[in-house]
Amino acid sequence: MILGILAIIFGAIGRGKATRGQATNKGAATAGLVCGIIATVILPLLGLLLLAGIMGRLGAAA
């Protein structure tokens, strides 16, 4: 989760520098930004799904 947030921050910084002409890696910065957003959104959803599965299994065992 923390790495996803860092990817969003650094991707945004990289895109800004590429837009200003200070860097030539706009594609890599965009990829980092997108991967960071996906990781930040999907990771908590997977955690909730795992938690729901564990709780469901504990409820079925009782």
C-alpha atoms as a PDB file:
ATOM      1  CA  MET A   1       0.000   0.000   0.000  1.00  0.00           C
ATOM      2  CA  ILE A   2       2.780   2.408   0.892  1.00  0.00           C
ATOM      3  CA  LEU A   3       4.640   1.534  -2.299  1.00  0.00           C
ATOM      4  CA  GLY A   4       1.511   2.233  -4.334  1.00  0.00           C
ATOM      5  CA  ILE A   5       1.221   5.693  -2.801  1.00  0.00           C
ATOM      6  CA  LEU A   6       4.905   6.352  -3.482  1.00  0.00           C
ATOM      7  CA  ALA A   7       4.446   5.232  -7.092  1.00  0.00           C
ATOM      8  CA  ILE A   8       1.607   7.733  -7.492  1.00  0.00           C
ATOM      9  CA  ILE A   9       3.715  10.548  -6.038  1.00  0.00           C
ATOM     10  CA  PHE A  10       6.843   9.811  -8.064  1.00  0.00           C
ATOM     11  CA  GLY A  11       4.834   9.140 -11.219  1.00  0.00           C
ATOM     12  CA  ALA A  12       3.144  12.523 -10.902  1.00  0.00           C
ATOM     13  CA  ILE A  13       6.490  14.241 -10.303  1.00  0.00           C
ATOM     14  CA  GLY A  14       8.001  12.448 -13.306  1.00  0.00           C
ATOM     15  CA  ARG A  15       5.106  13.396 -15.580  1.00  0.00           C
ATOM     16  CA  GLY A  16       5.412  17.010 -14.489  1.00  0.00           C
ATOM     17  CA  LYS A  17       9.127  17.078 -15.260  1.00  0.00           C
ATOM     18  CA  ALA A  18       8.549  15.411 -18.624  1.00  0.00           C
ATOM     19  CA  THR A  19       5.864  17.956 -19.485  1.00  0.00           C
ATOM     20  CA  ARG A  20       8.237  20.817 -18.643  1.00  0.00           C
ATOM     21  CA  GLY A  21      10.958  19.253 -20.800  1.00  0.00           C
ATOM     22  CA  GLN A  22      13.288  18.414 -17.915  1.00  0.00           C
ATOM     23  CA  ALA A  23      12.981  14.671 -18.560  1.00  0.00           C
ATOM     24  CA  THR A  24      12.235  12.338 -21.458  1.00  0.00           C
ATOM     25  CA  ASN A  25      10.578   9.484 -19.564  1.00  0.00           C
ATOM     26  CA  LYS A  26       6.913  10.461 -19.785  1.00  0.00           C
ATOM     27  CA  GLY A  27       5.867   6.904 -20.709  1.00  0.00           C
ATOM     28  CA  ALA A  28       7.642   5.357 -17.726  1.00  0.00           C
ATOM     29  CA  ALA A  29       6.235   8.027 -15.403  1.00  0.00           C
ATOM     30  CA  THR A  30       2.717   7.363 -16.703  1.00  0.00           C
ATOM     31  CA  ALA A  31       3.186   3.615 -16.225  1.00  0.00           C
ATOM     32  CA  GLY A  32       4.345   4.177 -12.631  1.00  0.00           C
ATOM     33  CA  LEU A  33       1.384   6.432 -11.963  1.00  0.00           C
ATOM     34  CA  VAL A  34      -1.117   3.916 -13.344  1.00  0.00           C
ATOM     35  CA  CYS A  35       0.475   0.972 -11.522  1.00  0.00           C
ATOM     36  CA  GLY A  36       0.464   2.962  -8.290  1.00  0.00           C
ATOM     37  CA  ILE A  37      -3.218   3.796  -8.644  1.00  0.00           C
ATOM     38  CA  ILE A  38      -4.080   0.179  -9.418  1.00  0.00           C
ATOM     39  CA  ALA A  39      -2.042  -1.090  -6.458  1.00  0.00           C
ATOM     40  CA  THR A  40      -3.575   1.439  -4.087  1.00  0.00           C
ATOM     41  CA  VAL A  41      -7.119   0.511  -5.149  1.00  0.00           C
ATOM     42  CA  ILE A  42      -6.819  -3.260  -5.607  1.00  0.00           C
ATOM     43  CA  LEU A  43      -4.704  -4.123  -2.548  1.00  0.00           C
ATOM     44  CA  PRO A  44      -7.298  -2.997   0.042  1.00  0.00           C
ATOM     45  CA  LEU A  45     -10.047  -4.749  -1.939  1.00  0.00           C
ATOM     46  CA  LEU A  46      -8.080  -7.999  -1.897  1.00  0.00           C
ATOM     47  CA  GLY A  47      -7.500  -7.579   1.839  1.00  0.00           C
ATOM     48  CA  LEU A  48     -11.223  -7.164   2.444  1.00  0.00           C
ATOM     49  CA  LEU A  49     -11.959 -10.202   0.277  1.00  0.00           C
ATOM     50  CA  LEU A  50      -9.456 -12.275   2.244  1.00  0.00           C
ATOM     51  CA  LEU A  51     -10.904 -11.078   5.536  1.00  0.00           C
ATOM     52  CA  ALA A  52     -14.439 -11.904   4.371  1.00  0.00           C
ATOM     53  CA  GLY A  53     -13.315 -15.378   3.336  1.00  0.00           C
ATOM     54  CA  ILE A  54     -11.682 -16.036   6.689  1.00  0.00           C
ATOM     55  CA  MET A  55     -14.687 -14.756   8.598  1.00  0.00           C
ATOM     56  CA  GLY A  56     -17.031 -16.826   6.438  1.00  0.00           C
ATOM     57  CA  ARG A  57     -14.997 -19.948   7.078  1.00  0.00           C
ATOM     58  CA  LEU A  58     -14.949 -19.317  10.812  1.00  0.00           C
ATOM     59  CA  GLY A  59     -18.697 -18.787  10.849  1.00  0.00           C
ATOM     60  CA  ALA A  60     -19.302 -22.024   8.914  1.00  0.00           C
ATOM     61  CA  ALA A  61     -17.123 -24.008  11.337  1.00  0.00           C
ATOM     62  CA  ALA A  62     -19.130 -22.920  14.368  1.00  0.00           C
END
